[in-house]
Amino acid sequence: MRPARVRRRGCSPSGRAGSAPSGRRWRRAPDADYLFLIDHSGAGAEIPAHGVELLTGKSVHGSVTVPDGGLAVVREPRRP
């Protein structure tokens, strides 16, 4: 993931958000980008995303809800 795109998502390049409750990591694959979200605070979070949340199979348009103490994995269209 390019650092500029990471910063636009509100994250640092290390994948850890500054004061946000969720840890975020991106992985690139030939056909898609994968966004891994983990709530470390126990308070849940709304995180900007577009694609399919793979644990539920639901489409994501704008943001995904990471449940209290939970996680989400979003498959996003691959971007150059």
C-alpha atoms as a PDB file:
ATOM      1  CA  MET A   1       0.000   0.000   0.000  1.00  0.00           C
ATOM      2  CA  ARG A   2       1.304   3.413  -0.854  1.00  0.00           C
ATOM      3  CA  PRO A   3       1.840   5.738   2.151  1.00  0.00           C
ATOM      4  CA  ALA A   4      -0.356   8.491   0.624  1.00  0.00           C
ATOM      5  CA  ARG A   5      -3.312   6.110   0.327  1.00  0.00           C
ATOM      6  CA  VAL A   6      -2.757   4.895   3.865  1.00  0.00           C
ATOM      7  CA  ARG A   7      -2.785   8.470   5.184  1.00  0.00           C
ATOM      8  CA  ARG A   8      -5.998   9.241   3.247  1.00  0.00           C
ATOM      9  CA  ARG A   9      -7.603   6.351   5.150  1.00  0.00           C
ATOM     10  CA  GLY A  10      -6.567   7.896   8.486  1.00  0.00           C
ATOM     11  CA  CYS A  11      -3.724   5.451   9.190  1.00  0.00           C
ATOM     12  CA  SER A  12      -0.013   5.602   9.561  1.00  0.00           C
ATOM     13  CA  PRO A  13       2.114   3.597   7.083  1.00  0.00           C
ATOM     14  CA  SER A  14       2.755   0.994   9.785  1.00  0.00           C
ATOM     15  CA  GLY A  15      -0.924   0.100   9.639  1.00  0.00           C
ATOM     16  CA  ARG A  16      -1.712   1.395  13.104  1.00  0.00           C
ATOM     17  CA  ALA A  17      -4.155   4.302  13.367  1.00  0.00           C
ATOM     18  CA  GLY A  18      -3.047   7.194  15.554  1.00  0.00           C
ATOM     19  CA  SER A  19      -5.856   7.454  18.111  1.00  0.00           C
ATOM     20  CA  ALA A  20      -8.453   5.362  16.301  1.00  0.00           C
ATOM     21  CA  PRO A  21      -9.611   2.219  18.114  1.00  0.00           C
ATOM     22  CA  SER A  22      -8.880  -0.174  15.258  1.00  0.00           C
ATOM     23  CA  GLY A  23      -5.666  -1.635  13.947  1.00  0.00           C
ATOM     24  CA  ARG A  24      -5.617  -1.664  10.145  1.00  0.00           C
ATOM     25  CA  ARG A  25      -3.513  -3.608   7.691  1.00  0.00           C
ATOM     26  CA  TRP A  26      -3.658  -3.841   3.913  1.00  0.00           C
ATOM     27  CA  ARG A  27      -2.487  -6.730   1.779  1.00  0.00           C
ATOM     28  CA  ARG A  28      -2.295  -6.668  -1.989  1.00  0.00           C
ATOM     29  CA  ALA A  29      -3.121  -9.595  -4.214  1.00  0.00           C
ATOM     30  CA  PRO A  30      -3.052  -9.752  -8.017  1.00  0.00           C
ATOM     31  CA  ASP A  31      -6.814  -9.284  -8.222  1.00  0.00           C
ATOM     32  CA  ALA A  32      -7.730  -7.198  -5.122  1.00  0.00           C
ATOM     33  CA  ASP A  33      -6.621  -5.318  -2.013  1.00  0.00           C
ATOM     34  CA  TYR A  34      -7.532  -6.745   1.400  1.00  0.00           C
ATOM     35  CA  LEU A  35      -8.212  -4.512   4.388  1.00  0.00           C
ATOM     36  CA  PHE A  36      -7.884  -6.228   7.794  1.00  0.00           C
ATOM     37  CA  LEU A  37      -9.510  -4.343  10.703  1.00  0.00           C
ATOM     38  CA  ILE A  38      -9.267  -5.254  14.396  1.00  0.00           C
ATOM     39  CA  ASP A  39     -10.939  -3.357  17.252  1.00  0.00           C
ATOM     40  CA  HIS A  40      -8.438  -3.193  20.119  1.00  0.00           C
ATOM     41  CA  SER A  41     -10.455  -0.788  22.274  1.00  0.00           C
ATOM     42  CA  GLY A  42     -13.644  -2.780  22.759  1.00  0.00           C
ATOM     43  CA  ALA A  43     -15.652   0.237  21.542  1.00  0.00           C
ATOM     44  CA  GLY A  44     -16.127  -0.732  17.875  1.00  0.00           C
ATOM     45  CA  ALA A  45     -15.550   1.603  14.936  1.00  0.00           C
ATOM     46  CA  GLU A  46     -16.822   2.762  11.535  1.00  0.00           C
ATOM     47  CA  ILE A  47     -13.969   2.575   9.006  1.00  0.00           C
ATOM     48  CA  PRO A  48     -14.057   3.909   5.409  1.00  0.00           C
ATOM     49  CA  ALA A  49     -14.112   0.998   2.932  1.00  0.00           C
ATOM     50  CA  HIS A  50     -15.619  -0.170  -0.362  1.00  0.00           C
ATOM     51  CA  GLY A  51     -15.938  -3.784  -1.457  1.00  0.00           C
ATOM     52  CA  VAL A  52     -17.107  -6.981   0.230  1.00  0.00           C
ATOM     53  CA  GLU A  53     -16.742  -7.782   3.930  1.00  0.00           C
ATOM     54  CA  LEU A  54     -15.512 -11.364   3.727  1.00  0.00           C
ATOM     55  CA  LEU A  55     -16.641 -12.614   7.152  1.00  0.00           C
ATOM     56  CA  THR A  56     -20.291 -11.715   6.508  1.00  0.00           C
ATOM     57  CA  GLY A  57     -20.393 -11.612   2.688  1.00  0.00           C
ATOM     58  CA  LYS A  58     -22.069  -8.182   2.795  1.00  0.00           C
ATOM     59  CA  SER A  59     -21.315  -5.438   0.282  1.00  0.00           C
ATOM     60  CA  VAL A  60     -19.565  -2.389   1.755  1.00  0.00           C
ATOM     61  CA  HIS A  61     -20.376   1.041   0.293  1.00  0.00           C
ATOM     62  CA  GLY A  62     -18.658   3.865   2.175  1.00  0.00           C
ATOM     63  CA  SER A  63     -17.802   2.291   5.525  1.00  0.00           C
ATOM     64  CA  VAL A  64     -17.702  -0.976   7.429  1.00  0.00           C
ATOM     65  CA  THR A  65     -18.614  -1.465  11.086  1.00  0.00           C
ATOM     66  CA  VAL A  66     -15.985  -3.234  13.160  1.00  0.00           C
ATOM     67  CA  PRO A  67     -17.843  -4.711  16.145  1.00  0.00           C
ATOM     68  CA  ASP A  68     -16.774  -4.177  19.769  1.00  0.00           C
ATOM     69  CA  GLY A  69     -13.590  -6.214  20.240  1.00  0.00           C
ATOM     70  CA  GLY A  70     -14.170  -7.775  16.815  1.00  0.00           C
ATOM     71  CA  LEU A  71     -12.707  -7.768  13.363  1.00  0.00           C
ATOM     72  CA  ALA A  72     -13.589  -7.275   9.716  1.00  0.00           C
ATOM     73  CA  VAL A  73     -11.851  -8.195   6.472  1.00  0.00           C
ATOM     74  CA  VAL A  74     -12.792  -6.213   3.368  1.00  0.00           C
ATOM     75  CA  ARG A  75     -11.876  -7.254  -0.169  1.00  0.00           C
ATOM     76  CA  GLU A  76     -11.547  -4.033  -2.177  1.00  0.00           C
ATOM     77  CA  PRO A  77     -11.044  -3.603  -5.925  1.00  0.00           C
ATOM     78  CA  ARG A  78      -7.340  -3.457  -6.741  1.00  0.00           C
ATOM     79  CA  ARG A  79      -6.146   0.075  -7.363  1.00  0.00           C
ATOM     80  CA  PRO A  80      -2.977   1.035  -9.209  1.00  0.00           C
END
